[in-house]
Amino acid sequence: MKRNYEGCALCDATWGDYWREVEGERMFFCCSICADAFENMVKRVKKETGWNRVESVTIDGNYSRGRNCTATSGKERIEYFFRHEDGRITEFEIKSQGTSPVP
């Protein structure tokens, strides 16, 4: 899965040493809470869209103000906002959904 972060897949922190397989890929996280939140976010995107797989996720934001994200699967795209508490999704709002523009 393509991500915009080099560190933790959710928050980009470089401390910690927590690994988890998400969508068939072994990913680095700073802690189990970020891993839970990322995995639950991916599951929620799949539930909302009906997708079998999430191919990319771009994340902007943080824990306190929430995160604006864009996820893709093939030509499909969804933009959404989410917050979590201890890894559980507490707020999820779809901003837009549709087909990605052809570059």
PDB file of N, CA and C in Angstrom:
ATOM      1  N   MET A   1       0.843  -1.176   0.000  1.00  0.00           N
ATOM      2  CA  MET A   1       0.000   0.000   0.000  1.00  0.00           C
ATOM      3  C   MET A   1       0.892   1.245   0.000  1.00  0.00           C
ATOM      4  N   LYS A   2       0.606   2.140  -0.868  1.00  0.00           N
ATOM      5  CA  LYS A   2       1.363   3.391  -0.958  1.00  0.00           C
ATOM      6  C   LYS A   2       0.880   4.338   0.145  1.00  0.00           C
ATOM      7  N   ARG A   3       1.850   4.953   0.859  1.00  0.00           N
ATOM      8  CA  ARG A   3       1.548   5.898   1.932  1.00  0.00           C
ATOM      9  C   ARG A   3       2.416   7.132   1.769  1.00  0.00           C
ATOM     10  N   ASN A   4       2.018   8.238   2.375  1.00  0.00           N
ATOM     11  CA  ASN A   4       2.788   9.467   2.255  1.00  0.00           C
ATOM     12  C   ASN A   4       3.788   9.654   3.389  1.00  0.00           C
ATOM     13  N   TYR A   5       3.909   8.713   4.295  1.00  0.00           N
ATOM     14  CA  TYR A   5       4.809   8.852   5.434  1.00  0.00           C
ATOM     15  C   TYR A   5       5.977   7.888   5.352  1.00  0.00           C
ATOM     16  N   GLU A   6       7.123   8.325   5.857  1.00  0.00           N
ATOM     17  CA  GLU A   6       8.324   7.480   5.932  1.00  0.00           C
ATOM     18  C   GLU A   6       8.401   6.759   7.269  1.00  0.00           C
ATOM     19  N   GLY A   7       7.865   7.380   8.330  1.00  0.00           N
ATOM     20  CA  GLY A   7       7.876   6.797   9.672  1.00  0.00           C
ATOM     21  C   GLY A   7       6.625   5.968   9.891  1.00  0.00           C
ATOM     22  N   CYS A   8       6.030   6.128  11.072  1.00  0.00           N
ATOM     23  CA  CYS A   8       4.787   5.432  11.407  1.00  0.00           C
ATOM     24  C   CYS A   8       3.763   5.655  10.300  1.00  0.00           C
ATOM     25  N   ALA A   9       3.089   4.591   9.891  1.00  0.00           N
ATOM     26  CA  ALA A   9       2.125   4.678   8.792  1.00  0.00           C
ATOM     27  C   ALA A   9       0.968   5.621   9.096  1.00  0.00           C
ATOM     28  N   LEU A  10       0.689   5.895  10.378  1.00  0.00           N
ATOM     29  CA  LEU A  10      -0.399   6.802  10.725  1.00  0.00           C
ATOM     30  C   LEU A  10       0.082   8.204  11.074  1.00  0.00           C
ATOM     31  N   CYS A  11       1.123   8.314  11.901  1.00  0.00           N
ATOM     32  CA  CYS A  11       1.499   9.644  12.418  1.00  0.00           C
ATOM     33  C   CYS A  11       2.881  10.119  11.988  1.00  0.00           C
ATOM     34  N   ASP A  12       3.643   9.294  11.313  1.00  0.00           N
ATOM     35  CA  ASP A  12       4.973   9.615  10.795  1.00  0.00           C
ATOM     36  C   ASP A  12       6.057   9.685  11.872  1.00  0.00           C
ATOM     37  N   ALA A  13       5.750   9.295  13.111  1.00  0.00           N
ATOM     38  CA  ALA A  13       6.780   9.272  14.160  1.00  0.00           C
ATOM     39  C   ALA A  13       7.847   8.248  13.794  1.00  0.00           C
ATOM     40  N   THR A  14       9.067   8.519  14.197  1.00  0.00           N
ATOM     41  CA  THR A  14      10.167   7.598  13.889  1.00  0.00           C
ATOM     42  C   THR A  14      10.623   6.812  15.118  1.00  0.00           C
ATOM     43  N   TRP A  15      10.048   7.102  16.271  1.00  0.00           N
ATOM     44  CA  TRP A  15      10.386   6.332  17.472  1.00  0.00           C
ATOM     45  C   TRP A  15       9.546   5.053  17.494  1.00  0.00           C
ATOM     46  N   GLY A  16       9.833   4.155  18.392  1.00  0.00           N
ATOM     47  CA  GLY A  16       9.070   2.914  18.528  1.00  0.00           C
ATOM     48  C   GLY A  16       9.571   1.849  17.574  1.00  0.00           C
ATOM     49  N   ASP A  17       9.034   0.692  17.743  1.00  0.00           N
ATOM     50  CA  ASP A  17       9.420  -0.445  16.901  1.00  0.00           C
ATOM     51  C   ASP A  17       8.272  -1.440  16.885  1.00  0.00           C
ATOM     52  N   TYR A  18       7.125  -1.012  16.401  1.00  0.00           N
ATOM     53  CA  TYR A  18       5.938  -1.852  16.371  1.00  0.00           C
ATOM     54  C   TYR A  18       5.597  -2.133  14.917  1.00  0.00           C
ATOM     55  N   TRP A  19       5.441  -3.397  14.589  1.00  0.00           N
ATOM     56  CA  TRP A  19       5.148  -3.802  13.213  1.00  0.00           C
ATOM     57  C   TRP A  19       3.848  -4.589  13.182  1.00  0.00           C
ATOM     58  N   ARG A  20       3.083  -4.387  12.111  1.00  0.00           N
ATOM     59  CA  ARG A  20       1.838  -5.139  11.930  1.00  0.00           C
ATOM     60  C   ARG A  20       1.580  -5.301  10.443  1.00  0.00           C
ATOM     61  N   GLU A  21       0.991  -6.422  10.080  1.00  0.00           N
ATOM     62  CA  GLU A  21       0.605  -6.641   8.688  1.00  0.00           C
ATOM     63  C   GLU A  21      -0.786  -6.056   8.467  1.00  0.00           C
ATOM     64  N   VAL A  22      -0.882  -5.146   7.501  1.00  0.00           N
ATOM     65  CA  VAL A  22      -2.148  -4.527   7.124  1.00  0.00           C
ATOM     66  C   VAL A  22      -2.274  -4.648   5.614  1.00  0.00           C
ATOM     67  N   GLU A  23      -3.392  -5.167   5.152  1.00  0.00           N
ATOM     68  CA  GLU A  23      -3.625  -5.347   3.716  1.00  0.00           C
ATOM     69  C   GLU A  23      -2.519  -6.194   3.079  1.00  0.00           C
ATOM     70  N   GLY A  24      -2.006  -7.168   3.821  1.00  0.00           N
ATOM     71  CA  GLY A  24      -0.994  -8.067   3.284  1.00  0.00           C
ATOM     72  C   GLY A  24       0.411  -7.505   3.263  1.00  0.00           C
ATOM     73  N   GLU A  25       0.616  -6.328   3.878  1.00  0.00           N
ATOM     74  CA  GLU A  25       1.926  -5.688   3.885  1.00  0.00           C
ATOM     75  C   GLU A  25       2.375  -5.438   5.326  1.00  0.00           C
ATOM     76  N   ARG A  26       3.620  -5.764   5.613  1.00  0.00           N
ATOM     77  CA  ARG A  26       4.184  -5.508   6.936  1.00  0.00           C
ATOM     78  C   ARG A  26       4.526  -4.024   7.035  1.00  0.00           C
ATOM     79  N   MET A  27       3.903  -3.331   7.991  1.00  0.00           N
ATOM     80  CA  MET A  27       4.063  -1.884   8.115  1.00  0.00           C
ATOM     81  C   MET A  27       4.634  -1.506   9.473  1.00  0.00           C
ATOM     82  N   PHE A  28       5.387  -0.404   9.474  1.00  0.00           N
ATOM     83  CA  PHE A  28       5.954   0.139  10.702  1.00  0.00           C
ATOM     84  C   PHE A  28       4.984   1.118  11.345  1.00  0.00           C
ATOM     85  N   PHE A  29       4.818   1.000  12.654  1.00  0.00           N
ATOM     86  CA  PHE A  29       4.043   1.931  13.458  1.00  0.00           C
ATOM     87  C   PHE A  29       4.867   2.271  14.689  1.00  0.00           C
ATOM     88  N   CYS A  30       4.607   3.431  15.278  1.00  0.00           N
ATOM     89  CA  CYS A  30       5.330   3.803  16.492  1.00  0.00           C
ATOM     90  C   CYS A  30       4.795   3.033  17.693  1.00  0.00           C
ATOM     91  N   CYS A  31       3.513   2.648  17.644  1.00  0.00           N
ATOM     92  CA  CYS A  31       2.900   1.970  18.793  1.00  0.00           C
ATOM     93  C   CYS A  31       1.676   1.183  18.337  1.00  0.00           C
ATOM     94  N   SER A  32       1.150   0.372  19.225  1.00  0.00           N
ATOM     95  CA  SER A  32      -0.020  -0.442  18.902  1.00  0.00           C
ATOM     96  C   SER A  32      -1.281   0.402  18.702  1.00  0.00           C
ATOM     97  N   ILE A  33      -1.366   1.569  19.344  1.00  0.00           N
ATOM     98  CA  ILE A  33      -2.538   2.434  19.176  1.00  0.00           C
ATOM     99  C   ILE A  33      -2.604   2.963  17.750  1.00  0.00           C
ATOM    100  N   CYS A  34      -1.474   3.425  17.214  1.00  0.00           N
ATOM    101  CA  CYS A  34      -1.460   3.890  15.823  1.00  0.00           C
ATOM    102  C   CYS A  34      -1.761   2.736  14.867  1.00  0.00           C
ATOM    103  N   ALA A  35      -1.242   1.562  15.161  1.00  0.00           N
ATOM    104  CA  ALA A  35      -1.521   0.393  14.311  1.00  0.00           C
ATOM    105  C   ALA A  35      -3.007   0.061  14.334  1.00  0.00           C
ATOM    106  N   ASP A  36      -3.621   0.068  15.521  1.00  0.00           N
ATOM    107  CA  ASP A  36      -5.062  -0.197  15.629  1.00  0.00           C
ATOM    108  C   ASP A  36      -5.862   0.846  14.851  1.00  0.00           C
ATOM    109  N   ALA A  37      -5.513   2.119  15.023  1.00  0.00           N
ATOM    110  CA  ALA A  37      -6.245   3.194  14.342  1.00  0.00           C
ATOM    111  C   ALA A  37      -6.115   3.076  12.832  1.00  0.00           C
ATOM    112  N   PHE A  38      -4.900   2.813  12.334  1.00  0.00           N
ATOM    113  CA  PHE A  38      -4.686   2.687  10.894  1.00  0.00           C
ATOM    114  C   PHE A  38      -5.472   1.495  10.345  1.00  0.00           C
ATOM    115  N   GLU A  39      -5.371   0.365  11.007  1.00  0.00           N
ATOM    116  CA  GLU A  39      -6.078  -0.831  10.554  1.00  0.00           C
ATOM    117  C   GLU A  39      -7.591  -0.612  10.584  1.00  0.00           C
ATOM    118  N   ASN A  40      -8.108   0.004  11.645  1.00  0.00           N
ATOM    119  CA  ASN A  40      -9.547   0.271  11.726  1.00  0.00           C
ATOM    120  C   ASN A  40      -9.995   1.295  10.684  1.00  0.00           C
ATOM    121  N   MET A  41      -9.133   2.269  10.372  1.00  0.00           N
ATOM    122  CA  MET A  41      -9.444   3.246   9.338  1.00  0.00           C
ATOM    123  C   MET A  41      -9.550   2.553   7.974  1.00  0.00           C
ATOM    124  N   VAL A  42      -8.610   1.668   7.667  1.00  0.00           N
ATOM    125  CA  VAL A  42      -8.648   0.937   6.398  1.00  0.00           C
ATOM    126  C   VAL A  42      -9.914   0.077   6.318  1.00  0.00           C
ATOM    127  N   LYS A  43     -10.261  -0.603   7.404  1.00  0.00           N
ATOM    128  CA  LYS A  43     -11.483  -1.418   7.434  1.00  0.00           C
ATOM    129  C   LYS A  43     -12.721  -0.554   7.213  1.00  0.00           C
ATOM    130  N   ARG A  44     -12.737   0.641   7.803  1.00  0.00           N
ATOM    131  CA  ARG A  44     -13.888   1.536   7.650  1.00  0.00           C
ATOM    132  C   ARG A  44     -14.010   2.031   6.213  1.00  0.00           C
ATOM    133  N   VAL A  45     -12.882   2.372   5.597  1.00  0.00           N
ATOM    134  CA  VAL A  45     -12.904   2.796   4.193  1.00  0.00           C
ATOM    135  C   VAL A  45     -13.467   1.677   3.327  1.00  0.00           C
ATOM    136  N   LYS A  46     -13.016   0.458   3.544  1.00  0.00           N
ATOM    137  CA  LYS A  46     -13.506  -0.679   2.756  1.00  0.00           C
ATOM    138  C   LYS A  46     -14.997  -0.909   2.983  1.00  0.00           C
ATOM    139  N   LYS A  47     -15.450  -0.739   4.220  1.00  0.00           N
ATOM    140  CA  LYS A  47     -16.873  -0.907   4.537  1.00  0.00           C
ATOM    141  C   LYS A  47     -17.711   0.163   3.834  1.00  0.00           C
ATOM    142  N   GLU A  48     -17.260   1.412   3.890  1.00  0.00           N
ATOM    143  CA  GLU A  48     -18.006   2.531   3.295  1.00  0.00           C
ATOM    144  C   GLU A  48     -18.040   2.471   1.767  1.00  0.00           C
ATOM    145  N   THR A  49     -16.964   1.959   1.159  1.00  0.00           N
ATOM    146  CA  THR A  49     -16.847   1.979  -0.303  1.00  0.00           C
ATOM    147  C   THR A  49     -17.218   0.662  -0.967  1.00  0.00           C
ATOM    148  N   GLY A  50     -17.121  -0.429  -0.232  1.00  0.00           N
ATOM    149  CA  GLY A  50     -17.324  -1.749  -0.827  1.00  0.00           C
ATOM    150  C   GLY A  50     -16.086  -2.277  -1.536  1.00  0.00           C
ATOM    151  N   TRP A  51     -14.967  -1.559  -1.399  1.00  0.00           N
ATOM    152  CA  TRP A  51     -13.720  -1.988  -2.031  1.00  0.00           C
ATOM    153  C   TRP A  51     -13.205  -3.269  -1.385  1.00  0.00           C
ATOM    154  N   ASN A  52     -12.499  -4.077  -2.188  1.00  0.00           N
ATOM    155  CA  ASN A  52     -11.809  -5.256  -1.672  1.00  0.00           C
ATOM    156  C   ASN A  52     -10.436  -4.906  -1.125  1.00  0.00           C
ATOM    157  N   ARG A  53      -9.856  -3.824  -1.655  1.00  0.00           N
ATOM    158  CA  ARG A  53      -8.489  -3.458  -1.293  1.00  0.00           C
ATOM    159  C   ARG A  53      -8.305  -1.943  -1.354  1.00  0.00           C
ATOM    160  N   VAL A  54      -7.530  -1.428  -0.411  1.00  0.00           N
ATOM    161  CA  VAL A  54      -7.120  -0.030  -0.432  1.00  0.00           C
ATOM    162  C   VAL A  54      -5.690  -0.015  -0.957  1.00  0.00           C
ATOM    163  N   GLU A  55      -5.452   0.706  -2.050  1.00  0.00           N
ATOM    164  CA  GLU A  55      -4.126   0.715  -2.681  1.00  0.00           C
ATOM    165  C   GLU A  55      -3.232   1.837  -2.183  1.00  0.00           C
ATOM    166  N   SER A  56      -3.823   2.984  -1.816  1.00  0.00           N
ATOM    167  CA  SER A  56      -3.012   4.087  -1.305  1.00  0.00           C
ATOM    168  C   SER A  56      -3.811   4.903  -0.300  1.00  0.00           C
ATOM    169  N   VAL A  57      -3.072   5.513   0.625  1.00  0.00           N
ATOM    170  CA  VAL A  57      -3.671   6.399   1.621  1.00  0.00           C
ATOM    171  C   VAL A  57      -2.751   7.597   1.807  1.00  0.00           C
ATOM    172  N   THR A  58      -3.322   8.781   1.713  1.00  0.00           N
ATOM    173  CA  THR A  58      -2.602  10.015   2.024  1.00  0.00           C
ATOM    174  C   THR A  58      -3.260  10.599   3.261  1.00  0.00           C
ATOM    175  N   ILE A  59      -2.441  10.918   4.264  1.00  0.00           N
ATOM    176  CA  ILE A  59      -2.952  11.381   5.551  1.00  0.00           C
ATOM    177  C   ILE A  59      -2.378  12.757   5.862  1.00  0.00           C
ATOM    178  N   ASP A  60      -3.258  13.671   6.306  1.00  0.00           N
ATOM    179  CA  ASP A  60      -2.827  14.994   6.731  1.00  0.00           C
ATOM    180  C   ASP A  60      -3.564  15.325   8.022  1.00  0.00           C
ATOM    181  N   GLY A  61      -2.823  15.648   9.054  1.00  0.00           N
ATOM    182  CA  GLY A  61      -3.445  16.007  10.318  1.00  0.00           C
ATOM    183  C   GLY A  61      -2.777  15.278  11.459  1.00  0.00           C
ATOM    184  N   ASN A  62      -3.428  15.320  12.619  1.00  0.00           N
ATOM    185  CA  ASN A  62      -2.850  14.672  13.792  1.00  0.00           C
ATOM    186  C   ASN A  62      -3.950  14.185  14.722  1.00  0.00           C
ATOM    187  N   TYR A  63      -3.512  13.627  15.844  1.00  0.00           N
ATOM    188  CA  TYR A  63      -4.446  13.038  16.799  1.00  0.00           C
ATOM    189  C   TYR A  63      -5.431  14.061  17.350  1.00  0.00           C
ATOM    190  N   SER A  64      -4.952  15.227  17.725  1.00  0.00           N
ATOM    191  CA  SER A  64      -5.821  16.185  18.405  1.00  0.00           C
ATOM    192  C   SER A  64      -6.834  16.869  17.483  1.00  0.00           C
ATOM    193  N   ARG A  65      -6.442  17.200  16.265  1.00  0.00           N
ATOM    194  CA  ARG A  65      -7.394  17.890  15.381  1.00  0.00           C
ATOM    195  C   ARG A  65      -8.056  16.959  14.372  1.00  0.00           C
ATOM    196  N   GLY A  66      -7.652  15.713  14.325  1.00  0.00           N
ATOM    197  CA  GLY A  66      -8.211  14.757  13.388  1.00  0.00           C
ATOM    198  C   GLY A  66      -7.404  14.716  12.105  1.00  0.00           C
ATOM    199  N   ARG A  67      -7.743  13.792  11.238  1.00  0.00           N
ATOM    200  CA  ARG A  67      -6.961  13.583  10.024  1.00  0.00           C
ATOM    201  C   ARG A  67      -7.847  13.631   8.783  1.00  0.00           C
ATOM    202  N   ASN A  68      -7.418  14.418   7.801  1.00  0.00           N
ATOM    203  CA  ASN A  68      -8.042  14.440   6.484  1.00  0.00           C
ATOM    204  C   ASN A  68      -7.259  13.477   5.607  1.00  0.00           C
ATOM    205  N   CYS A  69      -7.966  12.605   4.929  1.00  0.00           N
ATOM    206  CA  CYS A  69      -7.300  11.542   4.175  1.00  0.00           C
ATOM    207  C   CYS A  69      -7.910  11.388   2.788  1.00  0.00           C
ATOM    208  N   THR A  70      -7.118  10.812   1.912  1.00  0.00           N
ATOM    209  CA  THR A  70      -7.575  10.384   0.598  1.00  0.00           C
ATOM    210  C   THR A  70      -7.108   8.954   0.409  1.00  0.00           C
ATOM    211  N   ALA A  71      -8.013   8.087   0.042  1.00  0.00           N
ATOM    212  CA  ALA A  71      -7.665   6.694  -0.234  1.00  0.00           C
ATOM    213  C   ALA A  71      -8.093   6.358  -1.656  1.00  0.00           C
ATOM    214  N   THR A  72      -7.343   5.444  -2.275  1.00  0.00           N
ATOM    215  CA  THR A  72      -7.671   5.026  -3.632  1.00  0.00           C
ATOM    216  C   THR A  72      -7.673   3.509  -3.747  1.00  0.00           C
ATOM    217  N   SER A  73      -8.416   3.058  -4.731  1.00  0.00           N
ATOM    218  CA  SER A  73      -8.432   1.660  -5.125  1.00  0.00           C
ATOM    219  C   SER A  73      -8.734   1.652  -6.617  1.00  0.00           C
ATOM    220  N   GLY A  74      -7.726   1.296  -7.407  1.00  0.00           N
ATOM    221  CA  GLY A  74      -7.893   1.397  -8.861  1.00  0.00           C
ATOM    222  C   GLY A  74      -8.157   2.841  -9.237  1.00  0.00           C
ATOM    223  N   LYS A  75      -9.225   3.084  -9.989  1.00  0.00           N
ATOM    224  CA  LYS A  75      -9.582   4.446 -10.393  1.00  0.00           C
ATOM    225  C   LYS A  75     -10.505   5.126  -9.389  1.00  0.00           C
ATOM    226  N   GLU A  76     -10.909   4.410  -8.364  1.00  0.00           N
ATOM    227  CA  GLU A  76     -11.821   4.966  -7.368  1.00  0.00           C
ATOM    228  C   GLU A  76     -11.050   5.724  -6.292  1.00  0.00           C
ATOM    229  N   ARG A  77     -11.695   6.774  -5.754  1.00  0.00           N
ATOM    230  CA  ARG A  77     -11.082   7.631  -4.755  1.00  0.00           C
ATOM    231  C   ARG A  77     -12.120   8.048  -3.718  1.00  0.00           C
ATOM    232  N   ILE A  78     -11.684   8.154  -2.463  1.00  0.00           N
ATOM    233  CA  ILE A  78     -12.542   8.678  -1.405  1.00  0.00           C
ATOM    234  C   ILE A  78     -11.722   9.653  -0.569  1.00  0.00           C
ATOM    235  N   GLU A  79     -12.320  10.792  -0.252  1.00  0.00           N
ATOM    236  CA  GLU A  79     -11.713  11.759   0.657  1.00  0.00           C
ATOM    237  C   GLU A  79     -12.567  11.754   1.918  1.00  0.00           C
ATOM    238  N   TYR A  80     -11.913  11.728   3.073  1.00  0.00           N
ATOM    239  CA  TYR A  80     -12.651  11.596   4.323  1.00  0.00           C
ATOM    240  C   TYR A  80     -11.857  12.199   5.477  1.00  0.00           C
ATOM    241  N   PHE A  81     -12.551  12.392   6.582  1.00  0.00           N
ATOM    242  CA  PHE A  81     -11.984  12.893   7.821  1.00  0.00           C
ATOM    243  C   PHE A  81     -12.235  11.841   8.890  1.00  0.00           C
ATOM    244  N   PHE A  82     -11.240  11.598   9.748  1.00  0.00           N
ATOM    245  CA  PHE A  82     -11.501  10.694  10.864  1.00  0.00           C
ATOM    246  C   PHE A  82     -10.719  11.086  12.100  1.00  0.00           C
ATOM    247  N   ARG A  83     -11.282  10.672  13.223  1.00  0.00           N
ATOM    248  CA  ARG A  83     -10.634  10.784  14.536  1.00  0.00           C
ATOM    249  C   ARG A  83     -10.719   9.430  15.194  1.00  0.00           C
ATOM    250  N   HIS A  84      -9.787   9.218  16.131  1.00  0.00           N
ATOM    251  CA  HIS A  84      -9.828   7.960  16.874  1.00  0.00           C
ATOM    252  C   HIS A  84      -9.508   8.215  18.335  1.00  0.00           C
ATOM    253  N   GLU A  85      -9.915   7.289  19.159  1.00  0.00           N
ATOM    254  CA  GLU A  85      -9.593   7.281  20.579  1.00  0.00           C
ATOM    255  C   GLU A  85      -9.076   5.894  20.905  1.00  0.00           C
ATOM    256  N   ASP A  86      -7.830   5.823  21.308  1.00  0.00           N
ATOM    257  CA  ASP A  86      -7.182   4.547  21.631  1.00  0.00           C
ATOM    258  C   ASP A  86      -7.303   3.534  20.493  1.00  0.00           C
ATOM    259  N   GLY A  87      -7.242   4.021  19.260  1.00  0.00           N
ATOM    260  CA  GLY A  87      -7.265   3.145  18.094  1.00  0.00           C
ATOM    261  C   GLY A  87      -8.648   2.870  17.532  1.00  0.00           C
ATOM    262  N   ARG A  88      -9.702   3.211  18.271  1.00  0.00           N
ATOM    263  CA  ARG A  88     -11.080   3.002  17.801  1.00  0.00           C
ATOM    264  C   ARG A  88     -11.551   4.264  17.081  1.00  0.00           C
ATOM    265  N   ILE A  89     -12.150   4.104  15.917  1.00  0.00           N
ATOM    266  CA  ILE A  89     -12.653   5.238  15.148  1.00  0.00           C
ATOM    267  C   ILE A  89     -13.845   5.836  15.887  1.00  0.00           C
ATOM    268  N   THR A  90     -13.750   7.126  16.221  1.00  0.00           N
ATOM    269  CA  THR A  90     -14.832   7.810  16.932  1.00  0.00           C
ATOM    270  C   THR A  90     -15.591   8.773  16.021  1.00  0.00           C
ATOM    271  N   GLU A  91     -14.970   9.171  14.930  1.00  0.00           N
ATOM    272  CA  GLU A  91     -15.612  10.066  13.964  1.00  0.00           C
ATOM    273  C   GLU A  91     -15.106   9.716  12.571  1.00  0.00           C
ATOM    274  N   PHE A  92     -16.020   9.598  11.617  1.00  0.00           N
ATOM    275  CA  PHE A  92     -15.662   9.285  10.238  1.00  0.00           C
ATOM    276  C   PHE A  92     -16.646  10.011   9.340  1.00  0.00           C
ATOM    277  N   GLU A  93     -16.144  10.931   8.528  1.00  0.00           N
ATOM    278  CA  GLU A  93     -17.000  11.727   7.654  1.00  0.00           C
ATOM    279  C   GLU A  93     -16.458  11.685   6.229  1.00  0.00           C
ATOM    280  N   ILE A  94     -17.265  11.214   5.300  1.00  0.00           N
ATOM    281  CA  ILE A  94     -16.884  11.196   3.885  1.00  0.00           C
ATOM    282  C   ILE A  94     -17.045  12.601   3.338  1.00  0.00           C
ATOM    283  N   LYS A  95     -15.967  13.123   2.732  1.00  0.00           N
ATOM    284  CA  LYS A  95     -15.987  14.453   2.123  1.00  0.00           C
ATOM    285  C   LYS A  95     -16.386  14.363   0.651  1.00  0.00           C
ATOM    286  N   SER A  96     -15.817  13.405  -0.062  1.00  0.00           N
ATOM    287  CA  SER A  96     -16.186  13.170  -1.461  1.00  0.00           C
ATOM    288  C   SER A  96     -15.767  11.756  -1.841  1.00  0.00           C
ATOM    289  N   GLN A  97     -16.438  11.263  -2.865  1.00  0.00           N
ATOM    290  CA  GLN A  97     -16.152   9.908  -3.335  1.00  0.00           C
ATOM    291  C   GLN A  97     -16.437   9.857  -4.821  1.00  0.00           C
ATOM    292  N   GLY A  98     -15.584   9.146  -5.549  1.00  0.00           N
ATOM    293  CA  GLY A  98     -15.810   9.031  -6.987  1.00  0.00           C
ATOM    294  C   GLY A  98     -14.617   8.440  -7.691  1.00  0.00           C
ATOM    295  N   THR A  99     -14.504   8.769  -8.954  1.00  0.00           N
ATOM    296  CA  THR A  99     -13.426   8.282  -9.798  1.00  0.00           C
ATOM    297  C   THR A  99     -12.312   9.306  -9.814  1.00  0.00           C
ATOM    298  N   SER A 100     -11.082   8.840  -9.682  1.00  0.00           N
ATOM    299  CA  SER A 100      -9.913   9.733  -9.734  1.00  0.00           C
ATOM    300  C   SER A 100      -9.753  10.281 -11.137  1.00  0.00           C
ATOM    301  N   PRO A 101      -9.356  11.540 -11.252  1.00  0.00           N
ATOM    302  CA  PRO A 101      -9.101  12.108 -12.579  1.00  0.00           C
ATOM    303  C   PRO A 101      -7.917  11.398 -13.239  1.00  0.00           C
ATOM    304  N   VAL A 102      -7.981  11.257 -14.531  1.00  0.00           N
ATOM    305  CA  VAL A 102      -6.912  10.619 -15.278  1.00  0.00           C
ATOM    306  C   VAL A 102      -5.781  11.632 -15.452  1.00  0.00           C
ATOM    307  N   PRO A 103      -4.523  11.262 -15.058  1.00  0.00           N
ATOM    308  CA  PRO A 103      -3.399  12.218 -15.176  1.00  0.00           C
ATOM    309  C   PRO A 103      -3.021  12.475 -16.616  1.00  0.00           C
TER     310      PRO A 103
END
